[in-house]
Amino acid sequence: MNDRSMGRMSVRVYYEDTDFSGRVYHASYLRFLERGRTEWLRDFGFGHREIAGSTGVVFAVKSLSIDYLAPALMDDLLTVETWTAKVRVASLDFGQRIVRDGRELVTATVVVVAIRGDRPARLPESLRRAMNAPAPK
């Protein structure tokens, strides 16, 4: 993992993210994780729209494993951490976790595949190069 491999973003828990008890609803964590992966991609200088427009490649979640360890509550400030566990020709394996004040609340492993049309596609070479470049000083 190079210095740029770990992405971090903050997310505030709003009323709309919670269930009747004031705890984050389980599906809301999926949105937080998606935002983490999207911001991770932006950290490398790429946006989903840019990649789709220039290469025709979009990303889809192939598989997801998630462990809920402790609840997040309304108004909490969370940190979503995202890193690549494995880069393949047409897919990325992400490790992700959501923490509050250093306490791990959620861990996830997500496999994302590159597709063009309805078929698997190679990851854009420019993205692969950026992921393997050393972090800027």
C-alpha atoms as a PDB file:
ATOM      1  CA  MET A   1       0.000   0.000   0.000  1.00  0.00           C
ATOM      2  CA  ASN A   2       1.566   3.315  -1.011  1.00  0.00           C
ATOM      3  CA  ASP A   3       0.904   6.580   0.816  1.00  0.00           C
ATOM      4  CA  ARG A   4      -1.971   7.423  -1.506  1.00  0.00           C
ATOM      5  CA  SER A   5      -3.745   4.098  -1.063  1.00  0.00           C
ATOM      6  CA  MET A   6      -5.662   5.125   2.071  1.00  0.00           C
ATOM      7  CA  GLY A   7      -8.522   7.541   1.625  1.00  0.00           C
ATOM      8  CA  ARG A   8     -10.352   9.200   4.493  1.00  0.00           C
ATOM      9  CA  MET A   9     -13.519  11.249   4.499  1.00  0.00           C
ATOM     10  CA  SER A  10     -15.831  12.539   7.175  1.00  0.00           C
ATOM     11  CA  VAL A  11     -19.566  12.078   7.189  1.00  0.00           C
ATOM     12  CA  ARG A  12     -22.107  13.457   9.659  1.00  0.00           C
ATOM     13  CA  VAL A  13     -25.050  11.256  10.637  1.00  0.00           C
ATOM     14  CA  TYR A  14     -28.355  12.972   9.882  1.00  0.00           C
ATOM     15  CA  TYR A  15     -31.889  12.083  10.891  1.00  0.00           C
ATOM     16  CA  GLU A  16     -32.513  10.564   7.446  1.00  0.00           C
ATOM     17  CA  ASP A  17     -29.657   8.070   8.064  1.00  0.00           C
ATOM     18  CA  THR A  18     -31.241   6.610  11.196  1.00  0.00           C
ATOM     19  CA  ASP A  19     -34.026   4.258  12.142  1.00  0.00           C
ATOM     20  CA  PHE A  20     -36.707   4.897  14.761  1.00  0.00           C
ATOM     21  CA  SER A  21     -34.172   4.376  17.580  1.00  0.00           C
ATOM     22  CA  GLY A  22     -31.792   7.110  16.426  1.00  0.00           C
ATOM     23  CA  ARG A  23     -29.158   4.564  15.369  1.00  0.00           C
ATOM     24  CA  VAL A  24     -27.814   4.475  11.832  1.00  0.00           C
ATOM     25  CA  TYR A  25     -29.958   2.173   9.699  1.00  0.00           C
ATOM     26  CA  HIS A  26     -27.906  -0.710   8.278  1.00  0.00           C
ATOM     27  CA  ALA A  27     -28.422   0.305   4.629  1.00  0.00           C
ATOM     28  CA  SER A  28     -27.181   3.845   5.334  1.00  0.00           C
ATOM     29  CA  TYR A  29     -23.714   2.438   5.955  1.00  0.00           C
ATOM     30  CA  LEU A  30     -23.694   1.226   2.340  1.00  0.00           C
ATOM     31  CA  ARG A  31     -24.176   4.828   1.171  1.00  0.00           C
ATOM     32  CA  PHE A  32     -21.342   6.002   3.434  1.00  0.00           C
ATOM     33  CA  LEU A  33     -19.058   3.285   2.031  1.00  0.00           C
ATOM     34  CA  GLU A  34     -20.012   4.199  -1.548  1.00  0.00           C
ATOM     35  CA  ARG A  35     -19.151   7.831  -0.869  1.00  0.00           C
ATOM     36  CA  GLY A  36     -15.815   6.705   0.577  1.00  0.00           C
ATOM     37  CA  ARG A  37     -14.958   4.780  -2.601  1.00  0.00           C
ATOM     38  CA  THR A  38     -16.049   7.693  -4.792  1.00  0.00           C
ATOM     39  CA  GLU A  39     -13.891  10.154  -2.836  1.00  0.00           C
ATOM     40  CA  TRP A  40     -10.995   7.668  -2.905  1.00  0.00           C
ATOM     41  CA  LEU A  41     -11.255   7.717  -6.715  1.00  0.00           C
ATOM     42  CA  ARG A  42     -11.350  11.549  -6.696  1.00  0.00           C
ATOM     43  CA  ASP A  43      -8.176  11.565  -4.601  1.00  0.00           C
ATOM     44  CA  PHE A  44      -6.494   9.967  -7.618  1.00  0.00           C
ATOM     45  CA  GLY A  45      -7.855  12.705  -9.886  1.00  0.00           C
ATOM     46  CA  PHE A  46     -10.758  10.768 -11.409  1.00  0.00           C
ATOM     47  CA  GLY A  47     -14.495  11.187 -11.281  1.00  0.00           C
ATOM     48  CA  HIS A  48     -17.012   8.560 -12.307  1.00  0.00           C
ATOM     49  CA  ARG A  49     -18.456  10.820 -14.998  1.00  0.00           C
ATOM     50  CA  GLU A  50     -14.992  11.575 -16.412  1.00  0.00           C
ATOM     51  CA  ILE A  51     -14.029   7.902 -16.625  1.00  0.00           C
ATOM     52  CA  ALA A  52     -17.349   6.922 -18.192  1.00  0.00           C
ATOM     53  CA  GLY A  53     -17.139   9.764 -20.696  1.00  0.00           C
ATOM     54  CA  SER A  54     -13.539   9.149 -21.762  1.00  0.00           C
ATOM     55  CA  THR A  55     -13.399   5.331 -21.640  1.00  0.00           C
ATOM     56  CA  GLY A  56     -16.979   4.085 -21.460  1.00  0.00           C
ATOM     57  CA  VAL A  57     -16.080   2.270 -18.240  1.00  0.00           C
ATOM     58  CA  VAL A  58     -18.361   2.339 -15.212  1.00  0.00           C
ATOM     59  CA  PHE A  59     -18.028   0.468 -11.933  1.00  0.00           C
ATOM     60  CA  ALA A  60     -20.430  -1.966 -10.322  1.00  0.00           C
ATOM     61  CA  VAL A  61     -20.284  -3.722  -6.970  1.00  0.00           C
ATOM     62  CA  LYS A  62     -19.774  -7.449  -7.535  1.00  0.00           C
ATOM     63  CA  SER A  63     -19.681  -8.535  -3.903  1.00  0.00           C
ATOM     64  CA  LEU A  64     -19.847  -7.038  -0.451  1.00  0.00           C
ATOM     65  CA  SER A  65     -19.112  -8.410   2.997  1.00  0.00           C
ATOM     66  CA  ILE A  66     -19.900  -6.178   5.943  1.00  0.00           C
ATOM     67  CA  ASP A  67     -19.616  -6.517   9.705  1.00  0.00           C
ATOM     68  CA  TYR A  68     -21.547  -4.203  12.002  1.00  0.00           C
ATOM     69  CA  LEU A  69     -19.544  -3.945  15.213  1.00  0.00           C
ATOM     70  CA  ALA A  70     -21.139  -1.023  17.065  1.00  0.00           C
ATOM     71  CA  PRO A  71     -23.884   1.489  16.293  1.00  0.00           C
ATOM     72  CA  ALA A  72     -23.427   5.036  15.074  1.00  0.00           C
ATOM     73  CA  LEU A  73     -25.937   7.566  16.366  1.00  0.00           C
ATOM     74  CA  MET A  74     -27.629  10.662  15.064  1.00  0.00           C
ATOM     75  CA  ASP A  75     -25.253  13.661  14.923  1.00  0.00           C
ATOM     76  CA  ASP A  76     -22.103  11.487  15.139  1.00  0.00           C
ATOM     77  CA  LEU A  77     -19.154  12.537  13.017  1.00  0.00           C
ATOM     78  CA  LEU A  78     -17.783   9.418  11.340  1.00  0.00           C
ATOM     79  CA  THR A  79     -14.652   8.745   9.345  1.00  0.00           C
ATOM     80  CA  VAL A  80     -14.858   6.425   6.347  1.00  0.00           C
ATOM     81  CA  GLU A  81     -11.496   4.846   5.526  1.00  0.00           C
ATOM     82  CA  THR A  82     -10.971   3.237   2.127  1.00  0.00           C
ATOM     83  CA  TRP A  83      -8.004   1.393   0.644  1.00  0.00           C
ATOM     84  CA  THR A  84      -7.309  -1.041  -2.162  1.00  0.00           C
ATOM     85  CA  ALA A  85      -6.581  -4.542  -1.000  1.00  0.00           C
ATOM     86  CA  LYS A  86      -6.019  -5.871  -4.523  1.00  0.00           C
ATOM     87  CA  VAL A  87      -5.925  -4.411  -8.025  1.00  0.00           C
ATOM     88  CA  ARG A  88      -6.807  -6.803 -10.813  1.00  0.00           C
ATOM     89  CA  VAL A  89      -7.138  -6.330 -14.565  1.00  0.00           C
ATOM     90  CA  ALA A  90     -10.866  -5.584 -14.434  1.00  0.00           C
ATOM     91  CA  SER A  91     -11.637  -5.202 -10.727  1.00  0.00           C
ATOM     92  CA  LEU A  92     -10.619  -3.626  -7.460  1.00  0.00           C
ATOM     93  CA  ASP A  93     -10.894  -5.204  -4.020  1.00  0.00           C
ATOM     94  CA  PHE A  94     -11.476  -2.526  -1.398  1.00  0.00           C
ATOM     95  CA  GLY A  95     -11.099  -2.698   2.335  1.00  0.00           C
ATOM     96  CA  GLN A  96     -13.209  -0.153   4.183  1.00  0.00           C
ATOM     97  CA  ARG A  97     -14.051   0.752   7.723  1.00  0.00           C
ATOM     98  CA  ILE A  98     -16.133   3.345   9.472  1.00  0.00           C
ATOM     99  CA  VAL A  99     -14.833   4.731  12.746  1.00  0.00           C
ATOM    100  CA  ARG A 100     -15.993   7.213  15.362  1.00  0.00           C
ATOM    101  CA  ASP A 101     -13.382   8.718  17.679  1.00  0.00           C
ATOM    102  CA  GLY A 102     -10.991   5.882  16.838  1.00  0.00           C
ATOM    103  CA  ARG A 103     -13.565   3.149  17.568  1.00  0.00           C
ATOM    104  CA  GLU A 104     -14.262   0.775  14.691  1.00  0.00           C
ATOM    105  CA  LEU A 105     -18.002   0.593  13.992  1.00  0.00           C
ATOM    106  CA  VAL A 106     -18.170  -1.137  10.599  1.00  0.00           C
ATOM    107  CA  THR A 107     -15.728  -3.123   8.468  1.00  0.00           C
ATOM    108  CA  ALA A 108     -16.336  -4.108   4.862  1.00  0.00           C
ATOM    109  CA  THR A 109     -14.720  -5.802   1.922  1.00  0.00           C
ATOM    110  CA  VAL A 110     -16.074  -4.707  -1.445  1.00  0.00           C
ATOM    111  CA  VAL A 111     -15.213  -6.052  -4.887  1.00  0.00           C
ATOM    112  CA  VAL A 112     -15.914  -3.542  -7.662  1.00  0.00           C
ATOM    113  CA  VAL A 113     -15.748  -4.528 -11.333  1.00  0.00           C
ATOM    114  CA  ALA A 114     -15.161  -2.334 -14.354  1.00  0.00           C
ATOM    115  CA  ILE A 115     -17.780  -2.777 -17.066  1.00  0.00           C
ATOM    116  CA  ARG A 116     -18.407  -1.340 -20.504  1.00  0.00           C
ATOM    117  CA  GLY A 117     -21.908  -1.982 -21.729  1.00  0.00           C
ATOM    118  CA  ASP A 118     -22.833  -5.297 -20.136  1.00  0.00           C
ATOM    119  CA  ARG A 119     -19.363  -6.838 -20.253  1.00  0.00           C
ATOM    120  CA  PRO A 120     -16.316  -6.767 -17.995  1.00  0.00           C
ATOM    121  CA  ALA A 121     -13.683  -4.246 -19.106  1.00  0.00           C
ATOM    122  CA  ARG A 122     -10.068  -3.553 -18.258  1.00  0.00           C
ATOM    123  CA  LEU A 123      -9.482  -0.836 -15.681  1.00  0.00           C
ATOM    124  CA  PRO A 124      -8.460   2.353 -17.498  1.00  0.00           C
ATOM    125  CA  GLU A 125      -4.674   2.411 -17.844  1.00  0.00           C
ATOM    126  CA  SER A 126      -4.514   6.004 -16.595  1.00  0.00           C
ATOM    127  CA  LEU A 127      -6.222   4.939 -13.353  1.00  0.00           C
ATOM    128  CA  ARG A 128      -3.896   1.945 -12.918  1.00  0.00           C
ATOM    129  CA  ARG A 129      -0.856   4.201 -13.443  1.00  0.00           C
ATOM    130  CA  ALA A 130      -2.163   6.773 -10.953  1.00  0.00           C
ATOM    131  CA  MET A 131      -2.763   4.103  -8.309  1.00  0.00           C
ATOM    132  CA  ASN A 132       0.792   2.846  -8.671  1.00  0.00           C
ATOM    133  CA  ALA A 133       2.471   6.278  -8.714  1.00  0.00           C
ATOM    134  CA  PRO A 134       4.268   7.458  -5.581  1.00  0.00           C
ATOM    135  CA  ALA A 135       2.456  10.006  -3.448  1.00  0.00           C
ATOM    136  CA  PRO A 136       3.238  13.648  -4.239  1.00  0.00           C
ATOM    137  CA  LYS A 137       5.703  15.319  -1.864  1.00  0.00           C
END
